[in-house]
Protein backbone atom coordinates (compact mmCIF):
# COMPACT_ATOMS: atom_id res chain seq x y z
CA MET A 1 123.14 -86.38 78.93
CA ALA A 2 119.91 -85.63 80.68
CA GLN A 3 117.01 -84.94 78.33
CA ARG A 4 115.66 -81.36 78.33
CA ILE A 5 112.25 -81.01 79.91
CA LEU A 6 109.83 -79.29 77.57
CA SER A 7 108.36 -75.99 78.84
CA PRO A 8 104.60 -76.05 79.51
CA SER A 9 103.88 -74.07 76.38
CA GLU A 10 105.89 -76.43 74.27
CA SER A 11 104.15 -79.47 75.80
CA TRP A 12 100.70 -77.92 75.29
CA HIS A 13 101.48 -77.06 71.75
CA ARG A 14 102.30 -80.71 71.00
CA ILE A 15 99.43 -82.07 73.13
CA ASP A 16 97.01 -79.70 71.32
CA ALA A 17 98.24 -80.97 67.94
CA TRP A 18 97.84 -84.57 69.04
CA LEU A 19 94.28 -83.92 70.33
CA ALA A 20 93.38 -82.24 67.09
CA ALA A 21 94.41 -85.33 65.18
CA HIS A 22 92.92 -87.98 67.46
CA ALA A 23 90.52 -86.55 70.03
CA ALA A 24 89.10 -83.26 68.79
CA SER A 25 86.16 -83.40 71.23
CA ASP A 26 88.56 -83.16 74.15
CA LEU A 27 90.63 -80.46 72.57
CA ALA A 28 87.30 -78.46 72.46
CA LEU A 29 87.06 -78.75 76.31
CA LEU A 30 90.35 -76.92 76.86
CA ASN A 31 89.66 -73.19 77.48
CA PRO A 32 91.38 -70.36 75.67
CA PRO A 33 94.37 -68.69 77.38
CA ALA A 34 93.88 -66.84 80.70
CA ALA A 35 94.23 -63.07 80.43
CA PRO A 36 97.22 -61.53 82.28
CA GLU A 37 94.86 -59.66 84.53
CA GLU A 38 93.14 -62.89 85.50
CA ILE A 39 96.48 -64.25 86.61
CA ARG A 40 97.36 -61.09 88.53
CA GLU A 41 94.02 -61.13 90.34
CA ALA A 42 94.55 -64.80 91.35
CA GLU A 43 97.99 -63.89 92.75
CA ARG A 44 96.47 -61.13 94.75
CA ALA A 45 93.79 -63.38 96.08
CA LEU A 46 96.25 -66.14 97.14
CA GLY A 47 98.79 -63.51 98.34
CA ILE A 48 101.69 -65.28 96.43
CA PRO A 49 102.84 -65.44 92.80
CA LEU A 50 101.55 -68.44 90.95
CA PRO A 51 104.32 -70.99 90.14
CA GLY A 52 106.00 -70.02 86.87
CA ASP A 53 105.06 -73.18 85.10
CA LEU A 54 101.49 -72.94 86.18
CA ALA A 55 101.16 -69.32 84.94
CA GLU A 56 102.71 -70.39 81.66
CA SER A 57 100.20 -73.34 81.47
CA LEU A 58 97.37 -70.99 82.10
CA ARG A 59 98.52 -68.70 79.36
CA CYS A 60 98.09 -71.72 77.05
CA HIS A 61 94.74 -72.95 78.50
CA ASN A 62 92.75 -71.49 81.32
CA GLY A 63 91.69 -74.92 82.59
CA VAL A 64 88.90 -76.87 81.04
CA SER A 65 85.16 -76.03 80.45
CA ALA A 66 84.07 -79.45 81.68
CA TRP A 67 85.57 -82.52 83.29
CA ALA A 68 88.19 -83.82 80.94
CA THR A 69 90.77 -86.66 80.96
CA VAL A 70 93.27 -85.05 78.75
CA LEU A 71 95.78 -85.50 81.60
CA PRO A 72 96.16 -88.94 83.40
CA GLU A 73 94.52 -88.14 86.72
CA GLN A 74 94.09 -84.35 86.69
CA SER A 75 91.42 -82.14 85.22
CA PRO A 76 93.00 -78.59 85.17
CA LEU A 77 91.26 -75.80 86.93
CA ALA A 78 90.56 -72.36 85.45
CA VAL A 79 92.00 -69.35 87.20
CA THR A 80 88.66 -68.76 88.98
CA GLY A 81 88.59 -72.35 90.06
CA ILE A 82 91.99 -72.10 91.52
CA VAL A 83 90.99 -69.19 93.62
CA GLU A 84 87.60 -70.68 94.69
CA HIS A 85 89.21 -74.00 95.63
CA TRP A 86 91.95 -72.29 97.63
CA ARG A 87 89.47 -70.08 99.48
CA THR A 88 87.17 -73.06 100.27
CA ARG A 89 89.97 -75.10 101.60
CA MET A 90 91.28 -72.21 103.74
CA ASP A 91 87.83 -71.69 105.18
CA VAL A 92 87.34 -75.32 106.01
CA ALA A 93 90.85 -75.61 107.47
CA ALA A 94 90.30 -72.58 109.73
CA GLU A 95 87.14 -74.19 111.09
CA ASN A 96 88.68 -77.60 111.72
CA ASP A 97 92.25 -76.92 112.73
CA GLY A 98 93.27 -78.19 109.24
CA LEU A 99 96.39 -76.09 108.97
CA THR A 100 98.17 -78.14 111.69
CA PRO A 101 99.46 -81.66 110.95
CA ARG A 102 97.80 -84.29 113.13
CA PRO A 103 100.08 -86.59 115.13
CA TRP A 104 99.77 -89.38 112.61
CA ASP A 105 100.23 -87.16 109.54
CA GLU A 106 103.41 -85.57 108.28
CA GLU A 107 101.47 -82.96 106.30
CA PRO A 108 98.58 -80.76 107.36
CA TRP A 109 95.14 -81.19 105.72
CA TRP A 110 95.79 -77.88 103.94
CA HIS A 111 98.49 -75.31 103.70
CA PRO A 112 98.18 -71.59 102.60
CA LEU A 113 101.08 -72.08 100.27
CA TRP A 114 99.58 -74.98 98.33
CA VAL A 115 98.23 -73.86 95.05
CA PRO A 116 95.34 -76.11 93.72
CA TRP A 117 95.78 -76.43 89.94
CA ALA A 118 93.66 -79.51 89.07
CA GLU A 119 91.09 -81.87 90.50
CA GLY A 120 90.93 -85.60 90.61
CA ALA A 121 87.78 -87.62 89.82
CA ASP A 122 86.99 -87.82 93.51
CA GLY A 123 87.22 -84.04 94.01
CA ALA A 124 90.75 -84.13 95.59
CA ALA A 125 92.93 -81.26 94.70
CA GLN A 126 96.27 -81.68 93.06
CA VAL A 127 98.37 -78.97 94.44
CA ILE A 128 101.74 -77.25 93.75
CA ASP A 129 103.71 -76.80 96.88
CA ARG A 130 105.01 -73.26 97.21
CA ARG A 131 106.66 -73.71 100.60
CA PRO A 132 110.31 -72.76 100.55
CA GLY A 133 112.84 -75.50 100.44
CA PRO A 134 113.99 -78.36 98.31
CA GLY A 135 110.38 -79.57 97.62
CA THR A 136 109.10 -76.27 96.36
CA GLY A 137 107.26 -76.62 93.06
CA ARG A 138 106.48 -80.26 93.55
CA LEU A 139 102.95 -81.73 92.92
CA GLY A 140 100.95 -83.37 95.53
CA TRP A 141 97.40 -84.41 96.42
CA ALA A 142 95.15 -82.91 99.11
CA GLY A 143 92.13 -85.08 99.68
CA HIS A 144 89.04 -84.53 101.71
CA SER A 145 90.40 -86.70 104.56
CA GLY A 146 93.93 -87.05 105.89
CA GLY A 147 96.95 -84.88 105.27
CA GLY A 148 98.48 -83.84 102.05
CA ASP A 149 100.35 -86.48 100.08
CA PHE A 150 103.53 -85.88 98.21
CA THR A 151 104.53 -89.57 97.83
CA ASP A 152 106.33 -90.04 94.50
CA SER A 153 105.39 -86.53 93.49
CA TRP A 154 106.36 -84.88 90.23
CA PRO A 155 109.02 -82.31 90.79
CA ASP A 156 107.07 -79.73 88.96
CA LEU A 157 104.11 -79.21 86.51
CA ALA A 158 106.43 -78.91 83.48
CA SER A 159 107.74 -82.44 84.20
CA LEU A 160 104.19 -83.95 84.22
CA LEU A 161 103.25 -82.22 80.96
CA HIS A 162 106.43 -83.37 79.39
CA ALA A 163 105.77 -86.99 80.44
CA VAL A 164 102.26 -86.73 78.90
CA THR A 165 103.72 -85.41 75.73
CA ARG A 166 106.18 -88.21 75.47
CA ALA A 167 103.51 -90.89 76.12
CA LEU A 168 101.33 -89.42 73.29
CA TYR A 169 104.17 -89.19 70.81
CA GLU A 170 106.50 -91.98 71.67
CA GLY A 171 104.26 -94.44 73.48
CA GLY A 172 104.67 -95.78 76.98
CA ASP A 173 102.93 -94.66 80.14
CA VAL A 174 102.72 -91.85 82.67
CA ARG A 175 103.42 -93.47 86.10
CA GLY A 176 101.62 -96.64 85.03
CA LEU A 177 98.82 -95.06 83.06
CA ARG A 178 98.55 -95.31 79.27
CA PRO A 179 96.42 -93.27 76.91
CA TYR A 180 93.27 -94.84 75.31
CA LEU A 181 90.57 -93.62 73.00
CA THR A 182 86.91 -94.20 73.79
CA THR A 183 84.20 -95.09 71.19
CA GLN A 184 83.13 -91.47 71.42
CA GLY A 185 86.58 -90.32 70.39
CA GLY A 186 87.58 -89.03 73.86
CA MET A 187 90.68 -89.75 75.85
CA TRP A 188 91.06 -92.02 78.86
CA TRP A 189 94.16 -93.08 80.84
CA ASP A 190 94.28 -96.44 82.46
CA GLU A 191 96.60 -99.30 83.21
CA ASP A 192 98.27 -101.49 80.48
CA GLY A 193 95.80 -103.92 78.95
CA CYS A 194 92.62 -102.13 79.75
CA GLU A 195 89.99 -103.10 77.17
CA GLU A 196 86.79 -101.35 78.20
CA LEU A 197 85.31 -98.39 80.08
CA ASP A 198 81.87 -98.68 81.54
CA GLY A 199 81.17 -101.66 79.25
CA HIS A 200 82.37 -99.79 76.11
CA PRO A 201 85.53 -100.92 74.33
CA LEU A 202 88.70 -98.83 74.50
CA ARG A 203 91.54 -98.86 71.98
CA ALA A 204 95.15 -97.89 72.61
CA ALA A 205 95.80 -94.35 71.47
CA PRO A 206 98.09 -93.98 68.40
CA ASP A 207 101.56 -92.73 68.84
CA GLY A 208 102.31 -89.32 67.29
CA LEU A 209 100.47 -87.56 64.40
CA PRO A 210 99.10 -89.18 61.31
């Protein structure tokens, strides 16, 4: 029987508890919940409802107050960051014909129905695809060059958060990345066997709660 995917709020509840026990400094970087009006204003700005699992996630944490590696490759945006990033991408795309796929790309540089919910270390946006069809809700990347990339994409945000929760409580990895703790008590995700970060030792994150 297929395992039930935890809802975003269930996953965040468990992630928060794990952070409180093992990486309290990173827990402090997670913002309080977004207000309902903030979410409604974002939806008006984008012209579409936010994906349900993103709205639920924002009702747990309205992004982060500073860059954080609580999640493997994604630093979650606050509601204001989602709107600002979307508007910036729309402006740039309009100036550079970025809404039309180039002959060598399957995806455009940007699409109005992509909702940016997180940023990578290089400033690329991780987006949730709101286009109708079988791929709606999936996660993908929109970098600064080239078209959007939905290769091996997560089917939805809930699935990613569920995988993070499992890695923290049961061990294992999230698409090849494992959780570590830095000497400062923060989180880091890297490949199996990673021993240091910027010359400082890393230790494998413990499974579960004390």
